[in-house]
Amino acid sequence: PSRRETAITTGLVLAMSAVAALFFFAADQLIGFAVRALFGGG
């Protein structure tokens, strides 16, 4: 691959990793909220 192709691919991998991290953070917060609401306190 050319330097440009490598840079674009690297950028896409970093961006998708950030999107996945945000998704799993939000899912974790939502599940934690639901568990606290279901079982109270904590």
PDB file of all heavy atoms in Angstrom:
ATOM      1  N   PRO A   1       0.830  -1.207   0.000  1.00  0.00           N
ATOM      2  CA  PRO A   1       0.000   0.000   0.000  1.00  0.00           C
ATOM      3  C   PRO A   1       0.864   1.256   0.000  1.00  0.00           C
ATOM      4  O   PRO A   1       1.983   1.258   0.514  1.00  0.00           O
ATOM      5  CB  PRO A   1      -0.780  -0.114   1.313  1.00  0.00           C
ATOM      6  CG  PRO A   1       0.052  -0.982   2.182  1.00  0.00           C
ATOM      7  CD  PRO A   1       0.764  -1.929   1.259  1.00  0.00           C
ATOM      8  N   SER A   2       0.304   2.310  -0.565  1.00  0.00           N
ATOM      9  CA  SER A   2       1.022   3.588  -0.569  1.00  0.00           C
ATOM     10  C   SER A   2       0.942   4.211   0.830  1.00  0.00           C
ATOM     11  O   SER A   2       0.172   3.773   1.691  1.00  0.00           O
ATOM     12  CB  SER A   2       0.395   4.545  -1.582  1.00  0.00           C
ATOM     13  OG  SER A   2      -0.906   4.924  -1.157  1.00  0.00           O
ATOM     14  N   ARG A   3       1.735   5.256   1.034  1.00  0.00           N
ATOM     15  CA  ARG A   3       1.715   5.958   2.328  1.00  0.00           C
ATOM     16  C   ARG A   3       0.316   6.526   2.590  1.00  0.00           C
ATOM     17  O   ARG A   3      -0.185   6.472   3.705  1.00  0.00           O
ATOM     18  CB  ARG A   3       2.753   7.070   2.318  1.00  0.00           C
ATOM     19  CG  ARG A   3       2.837   7.840   3.624  1.00  0.00           C
ATOM     20  CD  ARG A   3       3.928   8.887   3.587  1.00  0.00           C
ATOM     21  NE  ARG A   3       5.237   8.306   3.496  1.00  0.00           N
ATOM     22  CZ  ARG A   3       6.004   8.000   4.538  1.00  0.00           C
ATOM     23  NH1 ARG A   3       5.545   8.227   5.745  1.00  0.00           N
ATOM     24  NH2 ARG A   3       7.201   7.492   4.364  1.00  0.00           N
ATOM     25  N   ARG A   4      -0.328   7.044   1.532  1.00  0.00           N
ATOM     26  CA  ARG A   4      -1.670   7.623   1.678  1.00  0.00           C
ATOM     27  C   ARG A   4      -2.683   6.555   2.075  1.00  0.00           C
ATOM     28  O   ARG A   4      -3.513   6.765   2.964  1.00  0.00           O
ATOM     29  CB  ARG A   4      -2.072   8.289   0.368  1.00  0.00           C
ATOM     30  CG  ARG A   4      -3.419   8.982   0.422  1.00  0.00           C
ATOM     31  CD  ARG A   4      -3.688   9.763  -0.868  1.00  0.00           C
ATOM     32  NE  ARG A   4      -4.916  10.503  -0.783  1.00  0.00           N
ATOM     33  CZ  ARG A   4      -6.110  10.021  -1.142  1.00  0.00           C
ATOM     34  NH1 ARG A   4      -6.204   8.799  -1.630  1.00  0.00           N
ATOM     35  NH2 ARG A   4      -7.195  10.760  -1.031  1.00  0.00           N
ATOM     36  N   GLU A   5      -2.639   5.391   1.408  1.00  0.00           N
ATOM     37  CA  GLU A   5      -3.557   4.297   1.737  1.00  0.00           C
ATOM     38  C   GLU A   5      -3.354   3.822   3.175  1.00  0.00           C
ATOM     39  O   GLU A   5      -4.327   3.553   3.887  1.00  0.00           O
ATOM     40  CB  GLU A   5      -3.344   3.118   0.792  1.00  0.00           C
ATOM     41  CG  GLU A   5      -3.812   3.371  -0.626  1.00  0.00           C
ATOM     42  CD  GLU A   5      -3.406   2.268  -1.584  1.00  0.00           C
ATOM     43  OE1 GLU A   5      -2.320   1.675  -1.405  1.00  0.00           O
ATOM     44  OE2 GLU A   5      -4.186   2.007  -2.518  1.00  0.00           O
ATOM     45  N   THR A   6      -2.104   3.758   3.596  1.00  0.00           N
ATOM     46  CA  THR A   6      -1.803   3.334   4.957  1.00  0.00           C
ATOM     47  C   THR A   6      -2.342   4.343   5.964  1.00  0.00           C
ATOM     48  O   THR A   6      -2.928   3.966   6.986  1.00  0.00           O
ATOM     49  CB  THR A   6      -0.283   3.160   5.151  1.00  0.00           C
ATOM     50  OG1 THR A   6       0.190   2.206   4.195  1.00  0.00           O
ATOM     51  CG2 THR A   6       0.050   2.680   6.539  1.00  0.00           C
ATOM     52  N   ALA A   7      -2.174   5.630   5.685  1.00  0.00           N
ATOM     53  CA  ALA A   7      -2.667   6.672   6.590  1.00  0.00           C
ATOM     54  C   ALA A   7      -4.189   6.650   6.672  1.00  0.00           C
ATOM     55  O   ALA A   7      -4.757   6.760   7.769  1.00  0.00           O
ATOM     56  CB  ALA A   7      -2.178   8.041   6.126  1.00  0.00           C
ATOM     57  N   ILE A   8      -4.855   6.486   5.536  1.00  0.00           N
ATOM     58  CA  ILE A   8      -6.321   6.447   5.528  1.00  0.00           C
ATOM     59  C   ILE A   8      -6.825   5.234   6.295  1.00  0.00           C
ATOM     60  O   ILE A   8      -7.739   5.333   7.128  1.00  0.00           O
ATOM     61  CB  ILE A   8      -6.855   6.445   4.077  1.00  0.00           C
ATOM     62  CG1 ILE A   8      -6.628   7.822   3.444  1.00  0.00           C
ATOM     63  CG2 ILE A   8      -8.327   6.070   4.039  1.00  0.00           C
ATOM     64  CD1 ILE A   8      -6.931   7.865   1.956  1.00  0.00           C
ATOM     65  N   THR A   9      -6.221   4.086   6.061  1.00  0.00           N
ATOM     66  CA  THR A   9      -6.637   2.864   6.752  1.00  0.00           C
ATOM     67  C   THR A   9      -6.404   2.990   8.253  1.00  0.00           C
ATOM     68  O   THR A   9      -7.255   2.595   9.055  1.00  0.00           O
ATOM     69  CB  THR A   9      -5.871   1.651   6.195  1.00  0.00           C
ATOM     70  OG1 THR A   9      -6.096   1.576   4.792  1.00  0.00           O
ATOM     71  CG2 THR A   9      -6.319   0.369   6.842  1.00  0.00           C
ATOM     72  N   THR A  10      -5.273   3.554   8.643  1.00  0.00           N
ATOM     73  CA  THR A  10      -4.980   3.751  10.061  1.00  0.00           C
ATOM     74  C   THR A  10      -6.006   4.686  10.697  1.00  0.00           C
ATOM     75  O   THR A  10      -6.505   4.425  11.797  1.00  0.00           O
ATOM     76  CB  THR A  10      -3.563   4.326  10.244  1.00  0.00           C
ATOM     77  OG1 THR A  10      -2.619   3.413   9.676  1.00  0.00           O
ATOM     78  CG2 THR A  10      -3.240   4.554  11.713  1.00  0.00           C
ATOM     79  N   GLY A  11      -6.338   5.758   9.996  1.00  0.00           N
ATOM     80  CA  GLY A  11      -7.348   6.691  10.500  1.00  0.00           C
ATOM     81  C   GLY A  11      -8.702   6.023  10.672  1.00  0.00           C
ATOM     82  O   GLY A  11      -9.394   6.239  11.678  1.00  0.00           O
ATOM     83  N   LEU A  12      -9.087   5.201   9.707  1.00  0.00           N
ATOM     84  CA  LEU A  12     -10.362   4.495   9.809  1.00  0.00           C
ATOM     85  C   LEU A  12     -10.367   3.507  10.973  1.00  0.00           C
ATOM     86  O   LEU A  12     -11.373   3.383  11.685  1.00  0.00           O
ATOM     87  CB  LEU A  12     -10.669   3.763   8.505  1.00  0.00           C
ATOM     88  CG  LEU A  12     -11.054   4.663   7.331  1.00  0.00           C
ATOM     89  CD1 LEU A  12     -11.164   3.854   6.038  1.00  0.00           C
ATOM     90  CD2 LEU A  12     -12.370   5.362   7.617  1.00  0.00           C
ATOM     91  N   VAL A  13      -9.275   2.813  11.172  1.00  0.00           N
ATOM     92  CA  VAL A  13      -9.189   1.866  12.294  1.00  0.00           C
ATOM     93  C   VAL A  13      -9.315   2.618  13.616  1.00  0.00           C
ATOM     94  O   VAL A  13     -10.053   2.191  14.523  1.00  0.00           O
ATOM     95  CB  VAL A  13      -7.878   1.058  12.239  1.00  0.00           C
ATOM     96  CG1 VAL A  13      -7.624   0.316  13.543  1.00  0.00           C
ATOM     97  CG2 VAL A  13      -7.900   0.081  11.079  1.00  0.00           C
ATOM     98  N   LEU A  14      -8.617   3.750  13.757  1.00  0.00           N
ATOM     99  CA  LEU A  14      -8.707   4.534  14.987  1.00  0.00           C
ATOM    100  C   LEU A  14     -10.121   5.084  15.196  1.00  0.00           C
ATOM    101  O   LEU A  14     -10.643   5.061  16.317  1.00  0.00           O
ATOM    102  CB  LEU A  14      -7.685   5.663  14.965  1.00  0.00           C
ATOM    103  CG  LEU A  14      -6.217   5.221  15.031  1.00  0.00           C
ATOM    104  CD1 LEU A  14      -5.292   6.426  14.852  1.00  0.00           C
ATOM    105  CD2 LEU A  14      -5.920   4.491  16.314  1.00  0.00           C
ATOM    106  N   ALA A  15     -10.737   5.561  14.131  1.00  0.00           N
ATOM    107  CA  ALA A  15     -12.097   6.103  14.233  1.00  0.00           C
ATOM    108  C   ALA A  15     -13.095   5.015  14.631  1.00  0.00           C
ATOM    109  O   ALA A  15     -13.937   5.223  15.513  1.00  0.00           O
ATOM    110  CB  ALA A  15     -12.507   6.745  12.912  1.00  0.00           C
ATOM    111  N   MET A  16     -12.985   3.857  13.999  1.00  0.00           N
ATOM    112  CA  MET A  16     -13.914   2.761  14.337  1.00  0.00           C
ATOM    113  C   MET A  16     -13.671   2.252  15.755  1.00  0.00           C
ATOM    114  O   MET A  16     -14.617   1.850  16.441  1.00  0.00           O
ATOM    115  CB  MET A  16     -13.796   1.631  13.318  1.00  0.00           C
ATOM    116  CG  MET A  16     -14.332   1.991  11.949  1.00  0.00           C
ATOM    117  SD  MET A  16     -16.035   2.610  11.972  1.00  0.00           S
ATOM    118  CE  MET A  16     -16.909   1.175  12.531  1.00  0.00           C
ATOM    119  N   SER A  17     -12.432   2.278  16.208  1.00  0.00           N
ATOM    120  CA  SER A  17     -12.135   1.888  17.587  1.00  0.00           C
ATOM    121  C   SER A  17     -12.779   2.868  18.564  1.00  0.00           C
ATOM    122  O   SER A  17     -13.328   2.460  19.597  1.00  0.00           O
ATOM    123  CB  SER A  17     -10.625   1.839  17.817  1.00  0.00           C
ATOM    124  OG  SER A  17     -10.033   0.846  17.018  1.00  0.00           O
ATOM    125  N   ALA A  18     -12.731   4.148  18.232  1.00  0.00           N
ATOM    126  CA  ALA A  18     -13.358   5.157  19.086  1.00  0.00           C
ATOM    127  C   ALA A  18     -14.873   4.984  19.110  1.00  0.00           C
ATOM    128  O   ALA A  18     -15.509   5.070  20.172  1.00  0.00           O
ATOM    129  CB  ALA A  18     -12.987   6.559  18.606  1.00  0.00           C
ATOM    130  N   VAL A  19     -15.470   4.717  17.950  1.00  0.00           N
ATOM    131  CA  VAL A  19     -16.919   4.488  17.881  1.00  0.00           C
ATOM    132  C   VAL A  19     -17.300   3.259  18.704  1.00  0.00           C
ATOM    133  O   VAL A  19     -18.277   3.283  19.473  1.00  0.00           O
ATOM    134  CB  VAL A  19     -17.379   4.334  16.409  1.00  0.00           C
ATOM    135  CG1 VAL A  19     -18.806   3.825  16.327  1.00  0.00           C
ATOM    136  CG2 VAL A  19     -17.244   5.663  15.679  1.00  0.00           C
ATOM    137  N   ALA A  20     -16.541   2.184  18.582  1.00  0.00           N
ATOM    138  CA  ALA A  20     -16.816   0.972  19.357  1.00  0.00           C
ATOM    139  C   ALA A  20     -16.668   1.242  20.851  1.00  0.00           C
ATOM    140  O   ALA A  20     -17.485   0.782  21.656  1.00  0.00           O
ATOM    141  CB  ALA A  20     -15.885  -0.157  18.915  1.00  0.00           C
ATOM    142  N   ALA A  21     -15.637   2.002  21.236  1.00  0.00           N
ATOM    143  CA  ALA A  21     -15.442   2.325  22.651  1.00  0.00           C
ATOM    144  C   ALA A  21     -16.622   3.124  23.194  1.00  0.00           C
ATOM    145  O   ALA A  21     -17.118   2.849  24.302  1.00  0.00           O
ATOM    146  CB  ALA A  21     -14.141   3.100  22.834  1.00  0.00           C
ATOM    147  N   LEU A  22     -17.083   4.109  22.418  1.00  0.00           N
ATOM    148  CA  LEU A  22     -18.242   4.895  22.854  1.00  0.00           C
ATOM    149  C   LEU A  22     -19.502   4.041  22.957  1.00  0.00           C
ATOM    150  O   LEU A  22     -20.280   4.170  23.911  1.00  0.00           O
ATOM    151  CB  LEU A  22     -18.473   6.067  21.897  1.00  0.00           C
ATOM    152  CG  LEU A  22     -17.424   7.182  21.957  1.00  0.00           C
ATOM    153  CD1 LEU A  22     -17.664   8.184  20.832  1.00  0.00           C
ATOM    154  CD2 LEU A  22     -17.459   7.865  23.317  1.00  0.00           C
ATOM    155  N   PHE A  23     -19.699   3.158  22.003  1.00  0.00           N
ATOM    156  CA  PHE A  23     -20.867   2.274  22.034  1.00  0.00           C
ATOM    157  C   PHE A  23     -20.849   1.391  23.280  1.00  0.00           C
ATOM    158  O   PHE A  23     -21.849   1.278  23.997  1.00  0.00           O
ATOM    159  CB  PHE A  23     -20.921   1.398  20.774  1.00  0.00           C
ATOM    160  CG  PHE A  23     -21.949   0.312  20.864  1.00  0.00           C
ATOM    161  CD1 PHE A  23     -23.290   0.596  20.681  1.00  0.00           C
ATOM    162  CD2 PHE A  23     -21.574  -0.987  21.159  1.00  0.00           C
ATOM    163  CE1 PHE A  23     -24.251  -0.393  20.786  1.00  0.00           C
ATOM    164  CE2 PHE A  23     -22.520  -1.989  21.258  1.00  0.00           C
ATOM    165  CZ  PHE A  23     -23.864  -1.696  21.073  1.00  0.00           C
ATOM    166  N   PHE A  24     -19.709   0.753  23.542  1.00  0.00           N
ATOM    167  CA  PHE A  24     -19.642  -0.145  24.694  1.00  0.00           C
ATOM    168  C   PHE A  24     -19.696   0.620  26.017  1.00  0.00           C
ATOM    169  O   PHE A  24     -20.244   0.130  27.002  1.00  0.00           O
ATOM    170  CB  PHE A  24     -18.402  -1.045  24.616  1.00  0.00           C
ATOM    171  CG  PHE A  24     -18.553  -2.113  23.574  1.00  0.00           C
ATOM    172  CD1 PHE A  24     -17.735  -2.131  22.457  1.00  0.00           C
ATOM    173  CD2 PHE A  24     -19.522  -3.095  23.687  1.00  0.00           C
ATOM    174  CE1 PHE A  24     -17.873  -3.101  21.493  1.00  0.00           C
ATOM    175  CE2 PHE A  24     -19.676  -4.073  22.732  1.00  0.00           C
ATOM    176  CZ  PHE A  24     -18.849  -4.085  21.627  1.00  0.00           C
ATOM    177  N   PHE A  25     -19.166   1.839  26.047  1.00  0.00           N
ATOM    178  CA  PHE A  25     -19.304   2.671  27.245  1.00  0.00           C
ATOM    179  C   PHE A  25     -20.777   2.979  27.498  1.00  0.00           C
ATOM    180  O   PHE A  25     -21.267   2.836  28.622  1.00  0.00           O
ATOM    181  CB  PHE A  25     -18.503   3.964  27.087  1.00  0.00           C
ATOM    182  CG  PHE A  25     -18.689   4.908  28.243  1.00  0.00           C
ATOM    183  CD1 PHE A  25     -18.059   4.673  29.450  1.00  0.00           C
ATOM    184  CD2 PHE A  25     -19.502   6.020  28.113  1.00  0.00           C
ATOM    185  CE1 PHE A  25     -18.240   5.541  30.523  1.00  0.00           C
ATOM    186  CE2 PHE A  25     -19.693   6.884  29.176  1.00  0.00           C
ATOM    187  CZ  PHE A  25     -19.056   6.652  30.388  1.00  0.00           C
ATOM    188  N   ALA A  26     -21.484   3.400  26.447  1.00  0.00           N
ATOM    189  CA  ALA A  26     -22.909   3.721  26.591  1.00  0.00           C
ATOM    190  C   ALA A  26     -23.709   2.483  26.988  1.00  0.00           C
ATOM    191  O   ALA A  26     -24.587   2.551  27.868  1.00  0.00           O
ATOM    192  CB  ALA A  26     -23.448   4.308  25.289  1.00  0.00           C
ATOM    193  N   ALA A  27     -23.425   1.341  26.374  1.00  0.00           N
ATOM    194  CA  ALA A  27     -24.130   0.102  26.717  1.00  0.00           C
ATOM    195  C   ALA A  27     -23.856  -0.283  28.167  1.00  0.00           C
ATOM    196  O   ALA A  27     -24.776  -0.686  28.903  1.00  0.00           O
ATOM    197  CB  ALA A  27     -23.699  -1.023  25.772  1.00  0.00           C
ATOM    198  N   ASP A  28     -22.624  -0.143  28.607  1.00  0.00           N
ATOM    199  CA  ASP A  28     -22.269  -0.468  29.989  1.00  0.00           C
ATOM    200  C   ASP A  28     -23.002   0.446  30.969  1.00  0.00           C
ATOM    201  O   ASP A  28     -23.520  -0.020  31.994  1.00  0.00           O
ATOM    202  CB  ASP A  28     -20.758  -0.346  30.175  1.00  0.00           C
ATOM    203  CG  ASP A  28     -20.325  -0.691  31.583  1.00  0.00           C
ATOM    204  OD1 ASP A  28     -20.630  -1.821  32.035  1.00  0.00           O
ATOM    205  OD2 ASP A  28     -19.678   0.154  32.228  1.00  0.00           O
ATOM    206  N   GLN A  29     -23.063   1.743  30.647  1.00  0.00           N
ATOM    207  CA  GLN A  29     -23.764   2.681  31.520  1.00  0.00           C
ATOM    208  C   GLN A  29     -25.261   2.356  31.579  1.00  0.00           C
ATOM    209  O   GLN A  29     -25.868   2.397  32.651  1.00  0.00           O
ATOM    210  CB  GLN A  29     -23.553   4.117  31.036  1.00  0.00           C
ATOM    211  CG  GLN A  29     -22.116   4.593  31.162  1.00  0.00           C
ATOM    212  CD  GLN A  29     -21.623   4.590  32.594  1.00  0.00           C
ATOM    213  OE1 GLN A  29     -22.281   5.119  33.492  1.00  0.00           O
ATOM    214  NE2 GLN A  29     -20.475   3.985  32.817  1.00  0.00           N
ATOM    215  N   LEU A  30     -25.842   2.040  30.438  1.00  0.00           N
ATOM    216  CA  LEU A  30     -27.265   1.710  30.378  1.00  0.00           C
ATOM    217  C   LEU A  30     -27.571   0.438  31.164  1.00  0.00           C
ATOM    218  O   LEU A  30     -28.530   0.391  31.942  1.00  0.00           O
ATOM    219  CB  LEU A  30     -27.702   1.552  28.916  1.00  0.00           C
ATOM    220  CG  LEU A  30     -29.183   1.300  28.677  1.00  0.00           C
ATOM    221  CD1 LEU A  30     -30.001   2.491  29.158  1.00  0.00           C
ATOM    222  CD2 LEU A  30     -29.435   1.050  27.205  1.00  0.00           C
ATOM    223  N   ILE A  31     -26.757  -0.573  30.990  1.00  0.00           N
ATOM    224  CA  ILE A  31     -26.965  -1.830  31.718  1.00  0.00           C
ATOM    225  C   ILE A  31     -26.766  -1.612  33.218  1.00  0.00           C
ATOM    226  O   ILE A  31     -27.539  -2.117  34.040  1.00  0.00           O
ATOM    227  CB  ILE A  31     -26.029  -2.934  31.177  1.00  0.00           C
ATOM    228  CG1 ILE A  31     -26.452  -3.313  29.768  1.00  0.00           C
ATOM    229  CG2 ILE A  31     -26.023  -4.152  32.092  1.00  0.00           C
ATOM    230  CD1 ILE A  31     -25.451  -4.195  29.029  1.00  0.00           C
ATOM    231  N   GLY A  32     -25.746  -0.823  33.577  1.00  0.00           N
ATOM    232  CA  GLY A  32     -25.526  -0.513  34.999  1.00  0.00           C
ATOM    233  C   GLY A  32     -26.703   0.233  35.597  1.00  0.00           C
ATOM    234  O   GLY A  32     -27.128  -0.060  36.724  1.00  0.00           O
ATOM    235  N   PHE A  33     -27.226   1.198  34.857  1.00  0.00           N
ATOM    236  CA  PHE A  33     -28.412   1.929  35.321  1.00  0.00           C
ATOM    237  C   PHE A  33     -29.587   0.984  35.518  1.00  0.00           C
ATOM    238  O   PHE A  33     -30.293   1.051  36.533  1.00  0.00           O
ATOM    239  CB  PHE A  33     -28.772   3.029  34.320  1.00  0.00           C
ATOM    240  CG  PHE A  33     -30.039   3.754  34.661  1.00  0.00           C
ATOM    241  CD1 PHE A  33     -30.058   4.692  35.686  1.00  0.00           C
ATOM    242  CD2 PHE A  33     -31.214   3.496  33.963  1.00  0.00           C
ATOM    243  CE1 PHE A  33     -31.228   5.364  36.003  1.00  0.00           C
ATOM    244  CE2 PHE A  33     -32.380   4.148  34.283  1.00  0.00           C
ATOM    245  CZ  PHE A  33     -32.396   5.082  35.304  1.00  0.00           C
ATOM    246  N   ALA A  34     -29.811   0.090  34.568  1.00  0.00           N
ATOM    247  CA  ALA A  34     -30.929  -0.856  34.649  1.00  0.00           C
ATOM    248  C   ALA A  34     -30.746  -1.800  35.841  1.00  0.00           C
ATOM    249  O   ALA A  34     -31.725  -2.068  36.572  1.00  0.00           O
ATOM    250  CB  ALA A  34     -31.033  -1.658  33.359  1.00  0.00           C
ATOM    251  N   VAL A  35     -29.555  -2.273  36.078  1.00  0.00           N
ATOM    252  CA  VAL A  35     -29.322  -3.177  37.210  1.00  0.00           C
ATOM    253  C   VAL A  35     -29.530  -2.441  38.524  1.00  0.00           C
ATOM    254  O   VAL A  35     -30.157  -2.977  39.467  1.00  0.00           O
ATOM    255  CB  VAL A  35     -27.896  -3.792  37.119  1.00  0.00           C
ATOM    256  CG1 VAL A  35     -27.519  -4.495  38.415  1.00  0.00           C
ATOM    257  CG2 VAL A  35     -27.807  -4.756  35.950  1.00  0.00           C
ATOM    258  N   ARG A  36     -29.025  -1.193  38.627  1.00  0.00           N
ATOM    259  CA  ARG A  36     -29.231  -0.425  39.855  1.00  0.00           C
ATOM    260  C   ARG A  36     -30.720  -0.138  40.080  1.00  0.00           C
ATOM    261  O   ARG A  36     -31.197  -0.183  41.213  1.00  0.00           O
ATOM    262  CB  ARG A  36     -28.435   0.879  39.797  1.00  0.00           C
ATOM    263  CG  ARG A  36     -26.951   0.677  40.060  1.00  0.00           C
ATOM    264  CD  ARG A  36     -26.206   1.998  40.233  1.00  0.00           C
ATOM    265  NE  ARG A  36     -26.257   2.848  39.045  1.00  0.00           N
ATOM    266  CZ  ARG A  36     -25.440   2.722  38.000  1.00  0.00           C
ATOM    267  NH1 ARG A  36     -24.510   1.791  38.003  1.00  0.00           N
ATOM    268  NH2 ARG A  36     -25.559   3.535  36.964  1.00  0.00           N
ATOM    269  N   ALA A  37     -31.457   0.148  39.018  1.00  0.00           N
ATOM    270  CA  ALA A  37     -32.880   0.420  39.136  1.00  0.00           C
ATOM    271  C   ALA A  37     -33.631  -0.853  39.545  1.00  0.00           C
ATOM    272  O   ALA A  37     -34.575  -0.795  40.334  1.00  0.00           O
ATOM    273  CB  ALA A  37     -33.433   0.954  37.832  1.00  0.00           C
ATOM    274  N   LEU A  38     -33.201  -1.973  39.020  1.00  0.00           N
ATOM    275  CA  LEU A  38     -33.877  -3.245  39.295  1.00  0.00           C
ATOM    276  C   LEU A  38     -33.603  -3.725  40.720  1.00  0.00           C
ATOM    277  O   LEU A  38     -34.520  -4.164  41.425  1.00  0.00           O
ATOM    278  CB  LEU A  38     -33.425  -4.301  38.280  1.00  0.00           C
ATOM    279  CG  LEU A  38     -34.111  -5.662  38.327  1.00  0.00           C
ATOM    280  CD1 LEU A  38     -35.601  -5.490  38.039  1.00  0.00           C
ATOM    281  CD2 LEU A  38     -33.486  -6.582  37.319  1.00  0.00           C
ATOM    282  N   PHE A  39     -32.357  -3.634  41.147  1.00  0.00           N
ATOM    283  CA  PHE A  39     -31.982  -4.172  42.453  1.00  0.00           C
ATOM    284  C   PHE A  39     -31.814  -3.095  43.517  1.00  0.00           C
ATOM    285  O   PHE A  39     -31.548  -3.403  44.675  1.00  0.00           O
ATOM    286  CB  PHE A  39     -30.690  -4.996  42.325  1.00  0.00           C
ATOM    287  CG  PHE A  39     -30.862  -6.215  41.491  1.00  0.00           C
ATOM    288  CD1 PHE A  39     -30.236  -6.328  40.253  1.00  0.00           C
ATOM    289  CD2 PHE A  39     -31.661  -7.276  41.915  1.00  0.00           C
ATOM    290  CE1 PHE A  39     -30.405  -7.437  39.476  1.00  0.00           C
ATOM    291  CE2 PHE A  39     -31.821  -8.398  41.133  1.00  0.00           C
ATOM    292  CZ  PHE A  39     -31.193  -8.489  39.901  1.00  0.00           C
ATOM    293  N   GLY A  40     -31.937  -1.845  43.124  1.00  0.00           N
ATOM    294  CA  GLY A  40     -31.881  -0.736  44.070  1.00  0.00           C
ATOM    295  C   GLY A  40     -30.477  -0.398  44.527  1.00  0.00           C
ATOM    296  O   GLY A  40     -29.563  -1.228  44.520  1.00  0.00           O
ATOM    297  N   GLY A  41     -30.290   0.864  44.882  1.00  0.00           N
ATOM    298  CA  GLY A  41     -29.058   1.374  45.475  1.00  0.00           C
ATOM    299  C   GLY A  41     -27.780   0.932  44.797  1.00  0.00           C
ATOM    300  O   GLY A  41     -27.650   0.907  43.588  1.00  0.00           O
ATOM    301  N   GLY A  42     -26.830   0.587  45.628  1.00  0.00           N
ATOM    302  CA  GLY A  42     -25.532   0.160  45.124  1.00  0.00           C
ATOM    303  C   GLY A  42     -24.608   1.345  44.889  1.00  0.00           C
ATOM    304  O   GLY A  42     -25.012   2.493  44.942  1.00  0.00           O
TER     305      GLY A  42
END
